[in-house]
Amino acid sequence: MNGQTAVVLGATGLIGSSLVEQLLADDAFSTVRVLVRKPIPIQHPKLEVFITDFSDYEMYRKNLGTGDCIFSCIGTTNANVKGNKLLYRSIDFDIPVNAARFGKEAGFKQFLLVSAIGADARSRIFYSRLKGEVEEMIAGYKFKSFHVFRPSFLAGRKLNERTGETVLTTLFNIFSFLIPSKYKAIRGATVARAMLKAAKEEKEGLSVYYYNEMIA
């Protein structure tokens, strides 16, 4: 495992930022490459930062480069896109699916995706359907290992991020003993740790992780 190169999408988010920290601290990875829209305030000998216009496919492909693992933690909110479903799709669908396409061409062996509980390409709910479509598209690229992480509510969000979800997370924590485990709130750092663990185990084929698998 020594000397692996990891690419991280969504490195400024709750899960992605924790994942970058954990990858930089792990000796199994010699290069951590992040593709972001804006500069990030992190410096490290192992870190490569590429400012990327994800709609520029030539730039996107070049910045993705070659390596071993792609970690997709990308995601937006309905509030951030002001209800624009096309813009929502361009972020939550196009960015990870294009990463899979370019990554497969470049020889990456593993793809690790943060999806969501309830992901279903045939769902009538836009968000669930979108996440399901992403999973199906990436599965079609037949990576040696495809890991799908389906958290429910994420604990630790800032108050201005998905305020309604923050309230629900608080309620879920209070009544957690009544809630099936896979619907329980989970910390972003815990999801990131599960992703790192899965990448190092290199289990072949498709693996899906819910709350219980992610906290194990």
N, C-alpha and C. Protein backbone atom coordinates (compact mmCIF):
# COMPACT_ATOMS: atom_id res chain seq x y z
N MET A 1 0.81 -1.22 0.00
CA MET A 1 0.00 0.00 0.00
C MET A 1 0.84 1.27 0.00
N ASN A 2 2.14 1.18 0.31
CA ASN A 2 2.97 2.37 0.41
C ASN A 2 3.00 3.13 -0.91
N GLY A 3 2.94 4.45 -0.81
CA GLY A 3 3.08 5.27 -1.99
C GLY A 3 1.83 5.47 -2.81
N GLN A 4 0.66 5.20 -2.25
CA GLN A 4 -0.56 5.38 -3.03
C GLN A 4 -0.90 6.85 -3.21
N THR A 5 -1.59 7.13 -4.31
CA THR A 5 -2.07 8.48 -4.60
C THR A 5 -3.58 8.50 -4.49
N ALA A 6 -4.08 9.43 -3.68
CA ALA A 6 -5.52 9.59 -3.50
C ALA A 6 -5.96 10.93 -4.07
N VAL A 7 -7.10 10.93 -4.73
CA VAL A 7 -7.71 12.17 -5.20
C VAL A 7 -8.99 12.40 -4.41
N VAL A 8 -9.18 13.62 -3.93
CA VAL A 8 -10.36 13.94 -3.13
C VAL A 8 -11.16 15.04 -3.81
N LEU A 9 -12.45 14.78 -4.00
CA LEU A 9 -13.40 15.77 -4.47
C LEU A 9 -14.28 16.17 -3.30
N GLY A 10 -14.57 17.45 -3.18
CA GLY A 10 -15.35 17.90 -2.04
C GLY A 10 -14.52 18.05 -0.79
N ALA A 11 -13.28 18.48 -0.96
CA ALA A 11 -12.32 18.53 0.16
C ALA A 11 -12.61 19.61 1.18
N THR A 12 -13.53 20.52 0.88
CA THR A 12 -13.83 21.60 1.83
C THR A 12 -15.08 21.31 2.66
N GLY A 13 -15.76 20.22 2.38
CA GLY A 13 -16.97 19.88 3.10
C GLY A 13 -16.70 19.18 4.41
N LEU A 14 -17.77 18.83 5.11
CA LEU A 14 -17.65 18.22 6.43
C LEU A 14 -16.89 16.90 6.38
N ILE A 15 -17.25 16.05 5.44
CA ILE A 15 -16.58 14.75 5.31
C ILE A 15 -15.24 14.92 4.63
N GLY A 16 -15.22 15.65 3.52
CA GLY A 16 -14.00 15.79 2.73
C GLY A 16 -12.85 16.42 3.47
N SER A 17 -13.11 17.45 4.27
CA SER A 17 -12.03 18.12 5.00
C SER A 17 -11.41 17.18 6.03
N SER A 18 -12.25 16.39 6.68
CA SER A 18 -11.72 15.42 7.65
C SER A 18 -10.95 14.32 6.93
N LEU A 19 -11.45 13.91 5.79
CA LEU A 19 -10.77 12.87 5.02
C LEU A 19 -9.38 13.31 4.59
N VAL A 20 -9.26 14.55 4.13
CA VAL A 20 -7.95 15.06 3.72
C VAL A 20 -6.98 15.01 4.89
N GLU A 21 -7.41 15.44 6.06
CA GLU A 21 -6.55 15.39 7.25
C GLU A 21 -6.10 13.96 7.55
N GLN A 22 -7.02 13.03 7.46
CA GLN A 22 -6.70 11.64 7.78
C GLN A 22 -5.78 11.02 6.73
N LEU A 23 -5.98 11.36 5.48
CA LEU A 23 -5.11 10.85 4.42
C LEU A 23 -3.69 11.40 4.57
N LEU A 24 -3.58 12.68 4.90
CA LEU A 24 -2.26 13.28 5.07
C LEU A 24 -1.50 12.66 6.23
N ALA A 25 -2.22 12.18 7.22
CA ALA A 25 -1.59 11.59 8.40
C ALA A 25 -1.31 10.10 8.24
N ASP A 26 -1.75 9.52 7.14
CA ASP A 26 -1.62 8.08 6.94
C ASP A 26 -0.44 7.76 6.03
N ASP A 27 0.48 6.93 6.51
CA ASP A 27 1.68 6.61 5.75
C ASP A 27 1.41 5.78 4.51
N ALA A 28 0.21 5.23 4.39
CA ALA A 28 -0.11 4.42 3.21
C ALA A 28 -0.25 5.28 1.96
N PHE A 29 -0.42 6.59 2.15
CA PHE A 29 -0.61 7.49 1.01
C PHE A 29 0.52 8.51 0.95
N SER A 30 1.17 8.56 -0.20
CA SER A 30 2.28 9.50 -0.36
C SER A 30 1.85 10.79 -1.03
N THR A 31 0.71 10.75 -1.73
CA THR A 31 0.20 11.94 -2.41
C THR A 31 -1.30 12.05 -2.18
N VAL A 32 -1.72 13.24 -1.76
CA VAL A 32 -3.15 13.53 -1.60
C VAL A 32 -3.46 14.72 -2.50
N ARG A 33 -4.20 14.45 -3.55
CA ARG A 33 -4.49 15.48 -4.56
C ARG A 33 -5.94 15.93 -4.40
N VAL A 34 -6.14 17.21 -4.21
CA VAL A 34 -7.51 17.72 -4.06
C VAL A 34 -7.84 18.65 -5.22
N LEU A 35 -9.04 18.49 -5.74
CA LEU A 35 -9.54 19.34 -6.81
C LEU A 35 -10.63 20.23 -6.22
N VAL A 36 -10.39 21.51 -6.23
CA VAL A 36 -11.30 22.46 -5.59
C VAL A 36 -11.55 23.66 -6.50
N ARG A 37 -12.61 24.38 -6.21
CA ARG A 37 -12.93 25.58 -6.99
C ARG A 37 -12.13 26.79 -6.53
N LYS A 38 -11.78 26.80 -5.23
CA LYS A 38 -11.07 27.93 -4.65
C LYS A 38 -9.90 27.42 -3.81
N PRO A 39 -8.88 28.25 -3.59
CA PRO A 39 -7.74 27.83 -2.76
C PRO A 39 -8.19 27.44 -1.36
N ILE A 40 -7.46 26.51 -0.75
CA ILE A 40 -7.75 26.10 0.62
C ILE A 40 -6.55 26.41 1.51
N PRO A 41 -6.78 26.73 2.77
CA PRO A 41 -5.71 27.16 3.68
C PRO A 41 -4.97 26.00 4.33
N ILE A 42 -4.50 25.08 3.51
CA ILE A 42 -3.77 23.92 4.03
C ILE A 42 -2.49 23.75 3.24
N GLN A 43 -1.41 23.49 3.94
CA GLN A 43 -0.14 23.18 3.29
C GLN A 43 0.44 21.93 3.92
N HIS A 44 0.95 21.06 3.07
CA HIS A 44 1.53 19.80 3.55
C HIS A 44 2.39 19.23 2.43
N PRO A 45 3.52 18.60 2.75
CA PRO A 45 4.40 18.05 1.71
C PRO A 45 3.70 17.03 0.80
N LYS A 46 2.69 16.35 1.32
CA LYS A 46 1.99 15.33 0.54
C LYS A 46 0.82 15.89 -0.26
N LEU A 47 0.48 17.14 -0.02
CA LEU A 47 -0.75 17.70 -0.57
C LEU A 47 -0.52 18.41 -1.90
N GLU A 48 -1.35 18.08 -2.88
CA GLU A 48 -1.39 18.78 -4.16
C GLU A 48 -2.78 19.40 -4.32
N VAL A 49 -2.82 20.70 -4.56
CA VAL A 49 -4.10 21.40 -4.70
C VAL A 49 -4.23 21.92 -6.13
N PHE A 50 -5.32 21.55 -6.79
CA PHE A 50 -5.58 22.00 -8.15
C PHE A 50 -6.90 22.77 -8.19
N ILE A 51 -6.81 24.05 -8.52
CA ILE A 51 -8.01 24.85 -8.70
C ILE A 51 -8.64 24.40 -10.02
N THR A 52 -9.89 23.97 -9.96
CA THR A 52 -10.49 23.29 -11.10
C THR A 52 -11.86 23.85 -11.47
N ASP A 53 -12.03 24.09 -12.77
CA ASP A 53 -13.34 24.38 -13.32
C ASP A 53 -13.90 23.04 -13.80
N PHE A 54 -14.83 22.49 -13.06
CA PHE A 54 -15.32 21.14 -13.34
C PHE A 54 -16.14 21.05 -14.62
N SER A 55 -16.51 22.20 -15.18
CA SER A 55 -17.21 22.18 -16.46
C SER A 55 -16.24 22.18 -17.64
N ASP A 56 -14.97 22.40 -17.36
CA ASP A 56 -13.91 22.34 -18.37
C ASP A 56 -13.33 20.93 -18.31
N TYR A 57 -13.80 20.06 -19.18
CA TYR A 57 -13.44 18.64 -19.09
C TYR A 57 -11.96 18.39 -19.33
N GLU A 58 -11.35 19.19 -20.20
CA GLU A 58 -9.91 19.02 -20.44
C GLU A 58 -9.12 19.34 -19.18
N MET A 59 -9.47 20.43 -18.51
CA MET A 59 -8.83 20.78 -17.25
C MET A 59 -9.11 19.73 -16.19
N TYR A 60 -10.35 19.30 -16.10
CA TYR A 60 -10.77 18.32 -15.10
C TYR A 60 -9.97 17.03 -15.25
N ARG A 61 -9.91 16.54 -16.47
CA ARG A 61 -9.18 15.29 -16.73
C ARG A 61 -7.69 15.44 -16.39
N LYS A 62 -7.11 16.56 -16.78
CA LYS A 62 -5.69 16.80 -16.52
C LYS A 62 -5.40 16.90 -15.03
N ASN A 63 -6.23 17.62 -14.31
CA ASN A 63 -6.01 17.80 -12.87
C ASN A 63 -6.24 16.53 -12.08
N LEU A 64 -7.17 15.71 -12.53
CA LEU A 64 -7.41 14.43 -11.87
C LEU A 64 -6.16 13.56 -11.95
N GLY A 65 -5.51 13.58 -13.11
CA GLY A 65 -4.24 12.86 -13.27
C GLY A 65 -4.38 11.36 -13.15
N THR A 66 -3.34 10.74 -12.62
CA THR A 66 -3.33 9.29 -12.41
C THR A 66 -3.15 9.01 -10.92
N GLY A 67 -3.52 7.81 -10.53
CA GLY A 67 -3.39 7.46 -9.12
C GLY A 67 -4.08 6.16 -8.81
N ASP A 68 -4.45 5.99 -7.56
CA ASP A 68 -5.00 4.72 -7.09
C ASP A 68 -6.46 4.81 -6.66
N CYS A 69 -6.79 5.83 -5.87
CA CYS A 69 -8.13 5.94 -5.29
C CYS A 69 -8.74 7.31 -5.55
N ILE A 70 -10.01 7.32 -5.90
CA ILE A 70 -10.76 8.57 -5.99
C ILE A 70 -11.81 8.57 -4.89
N PHE A 71 -11.78 9.61 -4.07
CA PHE A 71 -12.76 9.78 -3.00
C PHE A 71 -13.69 10.92 -3.39
N SER A 72 -14.95 10.64 -3.59
CA SER A 72 -15.90 11.69 -3.94
C SER A 72 -16.78 12.02 -2.75
N CYS A 73 -16.55 13.19 -2.19
CA CYS A 73 -17.35 13.69 -1.06
C CYS A 73 -18.14 14.92 -1.48
N ILE A 74 -18.30 15.07 -2.79
CA ILE A 74 -18.92 16.27 -3.33
C ILE A 74 -20.42 16.28 -3.03
N GLY A 75 -20.95 17.45 -2.83
CA GLY A 75 -22.39 17.55 -2.61
C GLY A 75 -22.79 18.98 -2.30
N THR A 76 -23.98 19.34 -2.73
CA THR A 76 -24.48 20.68 -2.45
C THR A 76 -25.80 20.57 -1.70
N THR A 77 -26.50 21.66 -1.56
CA THR A 77 -27.80 21.68 -0.91
C THR A 77 -28.78 22.45 -1.78
N ASN A 78 -30.05 22.20 -1.57
CA ASN A 78 -31.08 22.90 -2.33
C ASN A 78 -31.00 24.41 -2.08
N ALA A 79 -30.64 24.78 -0.85
CA ALA A 79 -30.51 26.20 -0.52
C ALA A 79 -29.36 26.84 -1.29
N ASN A 80 -28.25 26.13 -1.40
CA ASN A 80 -27.08 26.68 -2.09
C ASN A 80 -27.34 26.94 -3.56
N VAL A 81 -28.17 26.09 -4.18
CA VAL A 81 -28.46 26.26 -5.61
C VAL A 81 -29.79 26.98 -5.83
N LYS A 82 -30.40 27.44 -4.73
CA LYS A 82 -31.65 28.21 -4.77
C LYS A 82 -32.74 27.48 -5.55
N GLY A 83 -32.81 26.17 -5.34
CA GLY A 83 -33.86 25.38 -5.95
C GLY A 83 -33.65 25.03 -7.41
N ASN A 84 -32.50 25.39 -7.97
CA ASN A 84 -32.21 25.12 -9.38
C ASN A 84 -31.76 23.66 -9.53
N LYS A 85 -32.65 22.82 -10.05
CA LYS A 85 -32.35 21.39 -10.14
C LYS A 85 -31.27 21.08 -11.18
N LEU A 86 -31.20 21.88 -12.22
CA LEU A 86 -30.14 21.66 -13.22
C LEU A 86 -28.77 21.95 -12.62
N LEU A 87 -28.68 23.02 -11.84
CA LEU A 87 -27.43 23.34 -11.17
C LEU A 87 -27.10 22.28 -10.13
N TYR A 88 -28.11 21.84 -9.40
CA TYR A 88 -27.94 20.77 -8.40
C TYR A 88 -27.35 19.53 -9.08
N ARG A 89 -27.92 19.16 -10.22
CA ARG A 89 -27.45 17.98 -10.94
C ARG A 89 -26.03 18.15 -11.47
N SER A 90 -25.70 19.36 -11.91
CA SER A 90 -24.36 19.60 -12.44
C SER A 90 -23.29 19.40 -11.38
N ILE A 91 -23.66 19.55 -10.12
CA ILE A 91 -22.71 19.36 -9.02
C ILE A 91 -22.74 17.93 -8.50
N ASP A 92 -23.92 17.48 -8.09
CA ASP A 92 -24.02 16.18 -7.42
C ASP A 92 -23.95 14.99 -8.37
N PHE A 93 -24.26 15.21 -9.64
CA PHE A 93 -24.18 14.12 -10.63
C PHE A 93 -22.95 14.27 -11.52
N ASP A 94 -22.85 15.39 -12.20
CA ASP A 94 -21.80 15.54 -13.21
C ASP A 94 -20.39 15.42 -12.64
N ILE A 95 -20.14 16.04 -11.50
CA ILE A 95 -18.77 16.04 -10.97
C ILE A 95 -18.30 14.63 -10.59
N PRO A 96 -19.05 13.86 -9.80
CA PRO A 96 -18.56 12.52 -9.48
C PRO A 96 -18.58 11.56 -10.66
N VAL A 97 -19.60 11.65 -11.52
CA VAL A 97 -19.67 10.73 -12.66
C VAL A 97 -18.54 11.00 -13.64
N ASN A 98 -18.23 12.26 -13.90
CA ASN A 98 -17.10 12.57 -14.78
C ASN A 98 -15.78 12.16 -14.15
N ALA A 99 -15.67 12.27 -12.84
CA ALA A 99 -14.46 11.79 -12.16
C ALA A 99 -14.29 10.30 -12.38
N ALA A 100 -15.40 9.57 -12.32
CA ALA A 100 -15.34 8.13 -12.54
C ALA A 100 -14.93 7.83 -13.98
N ARG A 101 -15.49 8.57 -14.91
CA ARG A 101 -15.16 8.35 -16.33
C ARG A 101 -13.69 8.63 -16.60
N PHE A 102 -13.22 9.78 -16.17
CA PHE A 102 -11.82 10.14 -16.39
C PHE A 102 -10.90 9.23 -15.58
N GLY A 103 -11.31 8.90 -14.37
CA GLY A 103 -10.49 8.05 -13.51
C GLY A 103 -10.33 6.65 -14.06
N LYS A 104 -11.40 6.11 -14.62
CA LYS A 104 -11.31 4.78 -15.22
C LYS A 104 -10.35 4.80 -16.40
N GLU A 105 -10.45 5.83 -17.21
CA GLU A 105 -9.54 5.97 -18.36
C GLU A 105 -8.09 6.08 -17.90
N ALA A 106 -7.86 6.71 -16.75
CA ALA A 106 -6.50 6.95 -16.25
C ALA A 106 -5.95 5.78 -15.45
N GLY A 107 -6.77 4.77 -15.19
CA GLY A 107 -6.27 3.58 -14.51
C GLY A 107 -6.45 3.52 -13.01
N PHE A 108 -7.27 4.40 -12.44
CA PHE A 108 -7.57 4.30 -11.01
C PHE A 108 -8.27 2.97 -10.73
N LYS A 109 -7.96 2.37 -9.60
CA LYS A 109 -8.52 1.06 -9.26
C LYS A 109 -9.73 1.13 -8.33
N GLN A 110 -9.78 2.17 -7.48
CA GLN A 110 -10.85 2.26 -6.50
C GLN A 110 -11.59 3.60 -6.60
N PHE A 111 -12.90 3.52 -6.41
CA PHE A 111 -13.72 4.73 -6.34
C PHE A 111 -14.57 4.64 -5.09
N LEU A 112 -14.48 5.68 -4.26
CA LEU A 112 -15.21 5.71 -2.99
C LEU A 112 -16.14 6.91 -3.00
N LEU A 113 -17.44 6.64 -2.89
CA LEU A 113 -18.47 7.66 -3.09
C LEU A 113 -19.30 7.89 -1.84
N VAL A 114 -19.44 9.15 -1.46
CA VAL A 114 -20.42 9.50 -0.43
C VAL A 114 -21.75 9.69 -1.13
N SER A 115 -22.69 8.83 -0.84
CA SER A 115 -24.03 8.91 -1.41
C SER A 115 -24.99 9.34 -0.30
N ALA A 116 -26.11 8.69 -0.16
CA ALA A 116 -27.06 9.06 0.89
C ALA A 116 -28.03 7.93 1.16
N ILE A 117 -28.53 7.87 2.36
CA ILE A 117 -29.55 6.91 2.71
C ILE A 117 -30.75 7.11 1.77
N GLY A 118 -31.32 6.02 1.30
CA GLY A 118 -32.49 6.11 0.42
C GLY A 118 -32.17 6.31 -1.04
N ALA A 119 -30.89 6.29 -1.42
CA ALA A 119 -30.52 6.46 -2.82
C ALA A 119 -31.20 5.40 -3.68
N ASP A 120 -31.90 5.83 -4.72
CA ASP A 120 -32.66 4.91 -5.56
C ASP A 120 -32.95 5.60 -6.89
N ALA A 121 -32.36 5.08 -7.95
CA ALA A 121 -32.51 5.70 -9.26
C ALA A 121 -33.96 5.74 -9.74
N ARG A 122 -34.84 4.98 -9.12
CA ARG A 122 -36.25 4.95 -9.52
C ARG A 122 -37.16 5.67 -8.52
N SER A 123 -36.55 6.37 -7.60
CA SER A 123 -37.33 7.10 -6.60
C SER A 123 -38.06 8.30 -7.22
N ARG A 124 -39.21 8.66 -6.66
CA ARG A 124 -39.93 9.85 -7.10
C ARG A 124 -39.37 11.11 -6.45
N ILE A 125 -38.53 10.92 -5.46
CA ILE A 125 -37.91 12.06 -4.77
C ILE A 125 -36.64 12.46 -5.51
N PHE A 126 -36.55 13.72 -5.90
CA PHE A 126 -35.43 14.19 -6.72
C PHE A 126 -34.08 13.83 -6.12
N TYR A 127 -33.87 14.16 -4.86
CA TYR A 127 -32.58 13.94 -4.21
C TYR A 127 -32.21 12.46 -4.19
N SER A 128 -33.14 11.61 -3.78
CA SER A 128 -32.88 10.17 -3.70
C SER A 128 -32.63 9.59 -5.09
N ARG A 129 -33.41 10.05 -6.06
CA ARG A 129 -33.24 9.57 -7.43
C ARG A 129 -31.89 9.98 -7.99
N LEU A 130 -31.49 11.22 -7.74
CA LEU A 130 -30.21 11.72 -8.22
C LEU A 130 -29.06 10.90 -7.65
N LYS A 131 -29.09 10.65 -6.34
CA LYS A 131 -28.03 9.87 -5.71
C LYS A 131 -28.00 8.45 -6.27
N GLY A 132 -29.18 7.88 -6.51
CA GLY A 132 -29.23 6.54 -7.08
C GLY A 132 -28.68 6.49 -8.49
N GLU A 133 -28.97 7.50 -9.27
CA GLU A 133 -28.45 7.57 -10.64
C GLU A 133 -26.93 7.67 -10.65
N VAL A 134 -26.39 8.44 -9.72
CA VAL A 134 -24.93 8.56 -9.61
C VAL A 134 -24.32 7.20 -9.30
N GLU A 135 -24.89 6.49 -8.34
CA GLU A 135 -24.38 5.17 -7.97
C GLU A 135 -24.41 4.23 -9.17
N GLU A 136 -25.51 4.21 -9.90
CA GLU A 136 -25.64 3.31 -11.04
C GLU A 136 -24.64 3.64 -12.14
N MET A 137 -24.47 4.93 -12.42
CA MET A 137 -23.53 5.33 -13.47
C MET A 137 -22.11 4.93 -13.12
N ILE A 138 -21.70 5.19 -11.90
CA ILE A 138 -20.33 4.88 -11.50
C ILE A 138 -20.11 3.37 -11.45
N ALA A 139 -21.11 2.64 -10.99
CA ALA A 139 -21.00 1.17 -10.97
C ALA A 139 -20.74 0.63 -12.37
N GLY A 140 -21.28 1.31 -13.38
CA GLY A 140 -21.11 0.88 -14.76
C GLY A 140 -19.69 0.97 -15.27
N TYR A 141 -18.83 1.72 -14.59
CA TYR A 141 -17.44 1.83 -15.01
C TYR A 141 -16.58 0.67 -14.52
N LYS A 142 -17.14 -0.16 -13.68
CA LYS A 142 -16.49 -1.41 -13.27
C LYS A 142 -15.09 -1.20 -12.68
N PHE A 143 -15.00 -0.33 -11.70
CA PHE A 143 -13.73 -0.22 -10.98
C PHE A 143 -13.46 -1.53 -10.25
N LYS A 144 -12.20 -1.79 -9.98
CA LYS A 144 -11.85 -2.99 -9.21
C LYS A 144 -12.58 -2.98 -7.88
N SER A 145 -12.67 -1.81 -7.26
CA SER A 145 -13.41 -1.65 -6.00
C SER A 145 -14.27 -0.40 -6.09
N PHE A 146 -15.56 -0.57 -5.79
CA PHE A 146 -16.47 0.58 -5.74
C PHE A 146 -17.16 0.55 -4.39
N HIS A 147 -16.85 1.56 -3.58
CA HIS A 147 -17.38 1.65 -2.21
C HIS A 147 -18.40 2.78 -2.14
N VAL A 148 -19.60 2.47 -1.68
CA VAL A 148 -20.67 3.46 -1.58
C VAL A 148 -21.04 3.65 -0.11
N PHE A 149 -20.96 4.89 0.35
CA PHE A 149 -21.25 5.21 1.75
C PHE A 149 -22.58 5.97 1.81
N ARG A 150 -23.51 5.42 2.58
CA ARG A 150 -24.86 5.99 2.63
C ARG A 150 -25.20 6.49 4.04
N PRO A 151 -24.65 7.62 4.42
CA PRO A 151 -25.01 8.18 5.73
C PRO A 151 -26.42 8.76 5.69
N SER A 152 -27.02 8.89 6.86
CA SER A 152 -28.29 9.58 6.98
C SER A 152 -27.96 11.04 7.27
N PHE A 153 -28.35 11.57 8.38
CA PHE A 153 -28.03 12.95 8.73
C PHE A 153 -26.59 13.04 9.24
N LEU A 154 -25.91 14.12 8.85
CA LEU A 154 -24.54 14.33 9.29
C LEU A 154 -24.50 15.25 10.50
N ALA A 155 -23.92 14.77 11.58
CA ALA A 155 -23.76 15.58 12.78
C ALA A 155 -22.57 16.51 12.61
N GLY A 156 -22.67 17.69 13.19
CA GLY A 156 -21.54 18.61 13.17
C GLY A 156 -21.59 19.68 12.11
N ARG A 157 -22.72 19.79 11.40
CA ARG A 157 -22.83 20.86 10.40
C ARG A 157 -22.91 22.22 11.08
N LYS A 158 -22.45 23.24 10.36
CA LYS A 158 -22.61 24.61 10.84
C LYS A 158 -24.09 24.97 10.78
N LEU A 159 -24.50 25.93 11.60
CA LEU A 159 -25.91 26.29 11.68
C LEU A 159 -26.46 26.81 10.37
N ASN A 160 -25.61 27.41 9.54
CA ASN A 160 -26.11 27.95 8.29
C ASN A 160 -26.13 26.91 7.18
N GLU A 161 -25.77 25.69 7.48
CA GLU A 161 -25.78 24.62 6.49
C GLU A 161 -26.94 23.69 6.79
N ARG A 162 -27.90 23.66 5.87
CA ARG A 162 -29.04 22.76 6.02
C ARG A 162 -29.66 22.88 7.41
N THR A 163 -30.17 24.05 7.71
CA THR A 163 -30.72 24.31 9.03
C THR A 163 -31.77 23.29 9.42
N GLY A 164 -32.66 22.97 8.50
CA GLY A 164 -33.68 21.98 8.79
C GLY A 164 -33.08 20.64 9.15
N GLU A 165 -32.01 20.27 8.46
CA GLU A 165 -31.36 19.00 8.75
C GLU A 165 -30.70 19.04 10.12
N THR A 166 -30.17 20.20 10.51
CA THR A 166 -29.56 20.33 11.83
C THR A 166 -30.59 20.09 12.93
N VAL A 167 -31.78 20.65 12.74
CA VAL A 167 -32.85 20.45 13.72
C VAL A 167 -33.24 18.98 13.79
N LEU A 168 -33.38 18.35 12.63
CA LEU A 168 -33.75 16.94 12.61
C LEU A 168 -32.67 16.08 13.26
N THR A 169 -31.41 16.43 13.02
CA THR A 169 -30.32 15.69 13.63
C THR A 169 -30.40 15.75 15.15
N THR A 170 -30.71 16.94 15.68
CA THR A 170 -30.85 17.08 17.13
C THR A 170 -31.97 16.20 17.65
N LEU A 171 -33.09 16.19 16.96
CA LEU A 171 -34.21 15.35 17.37
C LEU A 171 -33.85 13.87 17.27
N PHE A 172 -33.13 13.52 16.21
CA PHE A 172 -32.72 12.12 16.03
C PHE A 172 -31.81 11.70 17.18
N ASN A 173 -30.93 12.59 17.62
CA ASN A 173 -30.03 12.25 18.72
C ASN A 173 -30.81 12.03 20.02
N ILE A 174 -31.81 12.87 20.24
CA ILE A 174 -32.61 12.75 21.46
C ILE A 174 -33.38 11.43 21.48
N PHE A 175 -33.93 11.06 20.33
CA PHE A 175 -34.76 9.86 20.26
C PHE A 175 -34.04 8.71 19.55
N SER A 176 -32.72 8.69 19.63
CA SER A 176 -31.93 7.71 18.89
C SER A 176 -32.27 6.27 19.25
N PHE A 177 -32.72 6.05 20.49
CA PHE A 177 -33.04 4.69 20.91
C PHE A 177 -34.27 4.14 20.18
N LEU A 178 -35.04 5.01 19.54
CA LEU A 178 -36.23 4.59 18.82
C LEU A 178 -35.98 4.44 17.31
N ILE A 179 -34.81 4.85 16.87
CA ILE A 179 -34.53 4.95 15.44
C ILE A 179 -33.69 3.77 14.96
N PRO A 180 -34.08 3.13 13.84
CA PRO A 180 -33.24 2.08 13.26
C PRO A 180 -31.83 2.62 13.02
N SER A 181 -30.83 1.79 13.24
CA SER A 181 -29.44 2.26 13.24
C SER A 181 -29.03 2.97 11.96
N LYS A 182 -29.48 2.49 10.81
CA LYS A 182 -28.98 3.09 9.57
C LYS A 182 -29.48 4.52 9.36
N TYR A 183 -30.48 4.95 10.14
CA TYR A 183 -30.99 6.31 10.03
C TYR A 183 -30.40 7.25 11.07
N LYS A 184 -29.50 6.76 11.91
CA LYS A 184 -28.94 7.60 12.96
C LYS A 184 -27.95 8.62 12.39
N ALA A 185 -27.87 9.77 13.04
CA ALA A 185 -26.91 10.80 12.64
C ALA A 185 -25.49 10.28 12.87
N ILE A 186 -24.59 10.70 11.99
CA ILE A 186 -23.20 10.24 12.07
C ILE A 186 -22.28 11.42 11.80
N ARG A 187 -21.15 11.45 12.46
CA ARG A 187 -20.20 12.55 12.29
C ARG A 187 -19.44 12.41 10.98
N GLY A 188 -19.13 13.56 10.37
CA GLY A 188 -18.38 13.54 9.13
C GLY A 188 -17.04 12.84 9.26
N ALA A 189 -16.37 13.03 10.39
CA ALA A 189 -15.07 12.40 10.62
C ALA A 189 -15.19 10.88 10.67
N THR A 190 -16.34 10.39 11.14
CA THR A 190 -16.56 8.95 11.21
C THR A 190 -16.73 8.37 9.82
N VAL A 191 -17.47 9.08 8.98
CA VAL A 191 -17.63 8.64 7.59
C VAL A 191 -16.27 8.65 6.89
N ALA A 192 -15.50 9.70 7.10
CA ALA A 192 -14.17 9.81 6.48
C ALA A 192 -13.27 8.66 6.92
N ARG A 193 -13.30 8.33 8.20
CA ARG A 193 -12.49 7.23 8.71
C ARG A 193 -12.89 5.90 8.06
N ALA A 194 -14.19 5.71 7.87
CA ALA A 194 -14.67 4.49 7.23
C ALA A 194 -14.22 4.42 5.78
N MET A 195 -14.19 5.55 5.11
CA MET A 195 -13.73 5.59 3.72
C MET A 195 -12.25 5.23 3.62
N LEU A 196 -11.46 5.80 4.51
CA LEU A 196 -10.03 5.50 4.52
C LEU A 196 -9.78 4.03 4.80
N LYS A 197 -10.50 3.49 5.77
CA LYS A 197 -10.36 2.08 6.12
C LYS A 197 -10.71 1.19 4.93
N ALA A 198 -11.80 1.52 4.24
CA ALA A 198 -12.23 0.72 3.09
C ALA A 198 -11.19 0.77 1.97
N ALA A 199 -10.63 1.95 1.74
CA ALA A 199 -9.62 2.08 0.68
C ALA A 199 -8.40 1.21 0.97
N LYS A 200 -8.02 1.14 2.21
CA LYS A 200 -6.84 0.35 2.58
C LYS A 200 -7.12 -1.15 2.56
N GLU A 201 -8.37 -1.53 2.78
CA GLU A 201 -8.72 -2.96 2.73
C GLU A 201 -8.82 -3.46 1.30
N GLU A 202 -9.15 -2.57 0.36
CA GLU A 202 -9.21 -2.89 -1.07
C GLU A 202 -10.13 -4.07 -1.38
N LYS A 203 -11.27 -4.12 -0.75
CA LYS A 203 -12.23 -5.18 -1.05
C LYS A 203 -12.75 -5.01 -2.47
N GLU A 204 -12.72 -6.08 -3.26
CA GLU A 204 -13.10 -5.98 -4.66
C GLU A 204 -14.62 -5.98 -4.84
N GLY A 205 -15.06 -5.40 -5.96
CA GLY A 205 -16.47 -5.36 -6.27
C GLY A 205 -17.17 -4.19 -5.61
N LEU A 206 -18.50 -4.30 -5.52
CA LEU A 206 -19.32 -3.25 -4.92
C LEU A 206 -19.54 -3.50 -3.45
N SER A 207 -19.29 -2.49 -2.63
CA SER A 207 -19.54 -2.57 -1.19
C SER A 207 -20.36 -1.35 -0.78
N VAL A 208 -21.42 -1.58 -0.01
CA VAL A 208 -22.29 -0.50 0.45
C VAL A 208 -22.22 -0.42 1.97
N TYR A 209 -22.04 0.79 2.48
CA TYR A 209 -21.83 0.99 3.92
C TYR A 209 -22.93 1.88 4.49
N TYR A 210 -23.60 1.36 5.52
CA TYR A 210 -24.58 2.14 6.27
C TYR A 210 -23.97 2.47 7.64
N TYR A 211 -24.76 3.03 8.50
CA TYR A 211 -24.30 3.48 9.81
C TYR A 211 -23.47 2.42 10.54
N ASN A 212 -24.01 1.21 10.68
CA ASN A 212 -23.31 0.17 11.44
C ASN A 212 -21.96 -0.17 10.85
N GLU A 213 -21.89 -0.23 9.52
CA GLU A 213 -20.61 -0.55 8.86
C GLU A 213 -19.63 0.61 9.01
N MET A 214 -20.13 1.83 9.01
CA MET A 214 -19.23 2.99 9.08
C MET A 214 -18.68 3.23 10.48
N ILE A 215 -19.38 2.80 11.51
CA ILE A 215 -18.87 3.01 12.87
C ILE A 215 -18.06 1.82 13.35
N ALA A 216 -18.01 0.75 12.56
CA ALA A 216 -17.31 -0.48 12.99
C ALA A 216 -15.81 -0.24 13.07
